[in-house]
Amino acid sequence: MDIIENLKTLLAQGQDNSVLHFSLGNAYLNEKKYPQAIKHFFRALELNPEYSVAWKLYGKALTGNSQIDEAIIVYEKGILVAEKKGDIQAAKEMKVFLKRLKKQQVEGSR
């Protein structure tokens, strides 16, 4: 059984928690299955809105799915959460991703 199937089995057994949804999101993201990843990162953040790394990978999945405007919003929220928690590394990384997306948006509108 692969990791996604193992995680889906845990979810089916009633283990509905942020870490499980984050793990599923990450597994789908690694396989470039962006819609599925987005769904699980969204659920992880519903369960734990303070999950800095989930914000970061949620933005990455949205970007991979060409949902640039949504990714920008997610990164902006994620940066605020990470800074509030003192999660400086996650905040730094999201700032870099956000800067790239905003630059891409400007260049795309020319």
C-alpha atoms as a PDB file:
ATOM      1  CA  MET A   1       0.000   0.000   0.000  1.00  0.00           C
ATOM      2  CA  ASP A   2       1.281   3.449  -0.740  1.00  0.00           C
ATOM      3  CA  ILE A   3       1.341   6.336   1.717  1.00  0.00           C
ATOM      4  CA  ILE A   4      -1.795   8.009   0.351  1.00  0.00           C
ATOM      5  CA  GLU A   5      -3.812   4.809   0.721  1.00  0.00           C
ATOM      6  CA  ASN A   6      -2.487   4.298   4.263  1.00  0.00           C
ATOM      7  CA  LEU A   7      -3.434   7.863   5.230  1.00  0.00           C
ATOM      8  CA  LYS A   8      -6.857   7.561   3.583  1.00  0.00           C
ATOM      9  CA  THR A   9      -7.442   4.383   5.602  1.00  0.00           C
ATOM     10  CA  LEU A  10      -6.667   6.240   8.829  1.00  0.00           C
ATOM     11  CA  LEU A  11      -9.056   9.000   7.795  1.00  0.00           C
ATOM     12  CA  ALA A  12     -11.781   6.450   7.005  1.00  0.00           C
ATOM     13  CA  GLN A  13     -11.269   5.008  10.490  1.00  0.00           C
ATOM     14  CA  GLY A  14     -12.252   8.360  11.970  1.00  0.00           C
ATOM     15  CA  GLN A  15      -8.877   9.967  12.594  1.00  0.00           C
ATOM     16  CA  ASP A  16      -9.934  13.400  11.364  1.00  0.00           C
ATOM     17  CA  ASN A  17      -7.134  15.681  12.577  1.00  0.00           C
ATOM     18  CA  SER A  18      -4.942  18.447  11.195  1.00  0.00           C
ATOM     19  CA  VAL A  19      -1.765  16.355  11.069  1.00  0.00           C
ATOM     20  CA  LEU A  20      -3.453  13.611   9.056  1.00  0.00           C
ATOM     21  CA  HIS A  21      -4.944  16.096   6.585  1.00  0.00           C
ATOM     22  CA  PHE A  22      -1.599  17.903   6.345  1.00  0.00           C
ATOM     23  CA  SER A  23       0.138  14.592   5.620  1.00  0.00           C
ATOM     24  CA  LEU A  24      -2.404  13.708   2.936  1.00  0.00           C
ATOM     25  CA  GLY A  25      -2.098  17.174   1.411  1.00  0.00           C
ATOM     26  CA  ASN A  26       1.665  16.850   1.340  1.00  0.00           C
ATOM     27  CA  ALA A  27       1.515  13.391  -0.256  1.00  0.00           C
ATOM     28  CA  TYR A  28      -0.844  14.656  -2.966  1.00  0.00           C
ATOM     29  CA  LEU A  29       1.301  17.760  -3.481  1.00  0.00           C
ATOM     30  CA  ASN A  30       4.366  15.558  -4.030  1.00  0.00           C
ATOM     31  CA  GLU A  31       2.420  13.746  -6.760  1.00  0.00           C
ATOM     32  CA  LYS A  32       1.266  17.074  -8.256  1.00  0.00           C
ATOM     33  CA  LYS A  33      -2.362  16.194  -7.539  1.00  0.00           C
ATOM     34  CA  TYR A  34      -3.161  19.770  -6.647  1.00  0.00           C
ATOM     35  CA  PRO A  35      -6.964  19.680  -6.222  1.00  0.00           C
ATOM     36  CA  GLN A  36      -6.695  16.830  -3.705  1.00  0.00           C
ATOM     37  CA  ALA A  37      -3.808  18.547  -1.908  1.00  0.00           C
ATOM     38  CA  ILE A  38      -5.777  21.796  -1.693  1.00  0.00           C
ATOM     39  CA  LYS A  39      -8.752  19.995  -0.159  1.00  0.00           C
ATOM     40  CA  HIS A  40      -6.639  18.422   2.592  1.00  0.00           C
ATOM     41  CA  PHE A  41      -4.612  21.537   3.406  1.00  0.00           C
ATOM     42  CA  PHE A  42      -7.878  23.478   3.648  1.00  0.00           C
ATOM     43  CA  ARG A  43      -9.240  20.893   6.104  1.00  0.00           C
ATOM     44  CA  ALA A  44      -6.002  20.870   8.130  1.00  0.00           C
ATOM     45  CA  LEU A  45      -6.323  24.635   8.520  1.00  0.00           C
ATOM     46  CA  GLU A  46      -9.990  24.385   9.448  1.00  0.00           C
ATOM     47  CA  LEU A  47      -8.943  22.082  12.276  1.00  0.00           C
ATOM     48  CA  ASN A  48      -5.853  24.095  13.243  1.00  0.00           C
ATOM     49  CA  PRO A  49      -5.662  27.662  11.833  1.00  0.00           C
ATOM     50  CA  GLU A  50      -2.269  28.159  13.533  1.00  0.00           C
ATOM     51  CA  TYR A  51      -0.528  25.440  11.446  1.00  0.00           C
ATOM     52  CA  SER A  52       2.149  27.586   9.734  1.00  0.00           C
ATOM     53  CA  VAL A  53       3.570  24.895   7.491  1.00  0.00           C
ATOM     54  CA  ALA A  54       0.081  23.958   6.297  1.00  0.00           C
ATOM     55  CA  TRP A  55      -0.420  27.571   5.187  1.00  0.00           C
ATOM     56  CA  LYS A  56       2.848  27.430   3.252  1.00  0.00           C
ATOM     57  CA  LEU A  57       2.069  24.185   1.436  1.00  0.00           C
ATOM     58  CA  TYR A  58      -1.558  25.226   0.869  1.00  0.00           C
ATOM     59  CA  GLY A  59      -0.224  28.252  -1.011  1.00  0.00           C
ATOM     60  CA  LYS A  60       2.159  26.023  -2.942  1.00  0.00           C
ATOM     61  CA  ALA A  61      -0.689  23.686  -3.966  1.00  0.00           C
ATOM     62  CA  LEU A  62      -2.840  26.625  -5.074  1.00  0.00           C
ATOM     63  CA  THR A  63       0.086  27.964  -7.104  1.00  0.00           C
ATOM     64  CA  GLY A  64       0.577  24.549  -8.716  1.00  0.00           C
ATOM     65  CA  ASN A  65      -3.115  24.564  -9.596  1.00  0.00           C
ATOM     66  CA  SER A  66      -2.764  28.019 -11.218  1.00  0.00           C
ATOM     67  CA  GLN A  67      -4.913  29.662  -8.529  1.00  0.00           C
ATOM     68  CA  ILE A  68      -2.525  32.584  -8.139  1.00  0.00           C
ATOM     69  CA  ASP A  69      -4.908  35.103  -6.567  1.00  0.00           C
ATOM     70  CA  GLU A  70      -5.970  32.546  -3.957  1.00  0.00           C
ATOM     71  CA  ALA A  71      -2.346  31.583  -3.292  1.00  0.00           C
ATOM     72  CA  ILE A  72      -1.448  35.225  -2.643  1.00  0.00           C
ATOM     73  CA  ILE A  73      -4.250  35.512  -0.084  1.00  0.00           C
ATOM     74  CA  VAL A  74      -3.189  32.257   1.587  1.00  0.00           C
ATOM     75  CA  TYR A  75       0.452  33.341   1.805  1.00  0.00           C
ATOM     76  CA  GLU A  76      -0.538  36.708   3.282  1.00  0.00           C
ATOM     77  CA  LYS A  77      -2.655  34.988   5.956  1.00  0.00           C
ATOM     78  CA  GLY A  78       0.020  32.362   6.546  1.00  0.00           C
ATOM     79  CA  ILE A  79       2.718  34.992   7.077  1.00  0.00           C
ATOM     80  CA  LEU A  80       0.589  36.681   9.743  1.00  0.00           C
ATOM     81  CA  VAL A  81      -0.024  33.361  11.503  1.00  0.00           C
ATOM     82  CA  ALA A  82       3.638  32.341  11.345  1.00  0.00           C
ATOM     83  CA  GLU A  83       4.885  35.702  12.625  1.00  0.00           C
ATOM     84  CA  LYS A  84       2.356  35.689  15.460  1.00  0.00           C
ATOM     85  CA  LYS A  85       3.571  32.210  16.476  1.00  0.00           C
ATOM     86  CA  GLY A  86       7.230  33.156  16.112  1.00  0.00           C
ATOM     87  CA  ASP A  87       7.690  30.675  13.276  1.00  0.00           C
ATOM     88  CA  ILE A  88      10.220  32.876  11.516  1.00  0.00           C
ATOM     89  CA  GLN A  89      11.447  30.326   8.948  1.00  0.00           C
ATOM     90  CA  ALA A  90       7.961  29.574   7.604  1.00  0.00           C
ATOM     91  CA  ALA A  91       7.195  33.310   7.460  1.00  0.00           C
ATOM     92  CA  LYS A  92      10.423  33.978   5.523  1.00  0.00           C
ATOM     93  CA  GLU A  93       9.709  31.235   3.009  1.00  0.00           C
ATOM     94  CA  MET A  94       6.142  32.413   2.447  1.00  0.00           C
ATOM     95  CA  LYS A  95       7.379  35.990   1.940  1.00  0.00           C
ATOM     96  CA  VAL A  96       9.698  34.769  -0.810  1.00  0.00           C
ATOM     97  CA  PHE A  97       6.885  32.797  -2.496  1.00  0.00           C
ATOM     98  CA  LEU A  98       4.518  35.762  -2.149  1.00  0.00           C
ATOM     99  CA  LYS A  99       7.039  38.150  -3.694  1.00  0.00           C
ATOM    100  CA  ARG A 100       7.513  35.807  -6.671  1.00  0.00           C
ATOM    101  CA  LEU A 101       3.775  35.456  -7.222  1.00  0.00           C
ATOM    102  CA  LYS A 102       3.179  39.191  -7.072  1.00  0.00           C
ATOM    103  CA  LYS A 103       6.013  39.749  -9.551  1.00  0.00           C
ATOM    104  CA  GLN A 104       4.542  37.055 -11.815  1.00  0.00           C
ATOM    105  CA  GLN A 105       1.138  38.735 -11.574  1.00  0.00           C
ATOM    106  CA  VAL A 106       2.561  42.119 -12.596  1.00  0.00           C
ATOM    107  CA  GLU A 107       4.479  40.612 -15.503  1.00  0.00           C
ATOM    108  CA  GLY A 108       1.393  38.681 -16.603  1.00  0.00           C
ATOM    109  CA  SER A 109      -0.721  41.835 -16.712  1.00  0.00           C
ATOM    110  CA  ARG A 110       1.631  43.602 -19.133  1.00  0.00           C
END
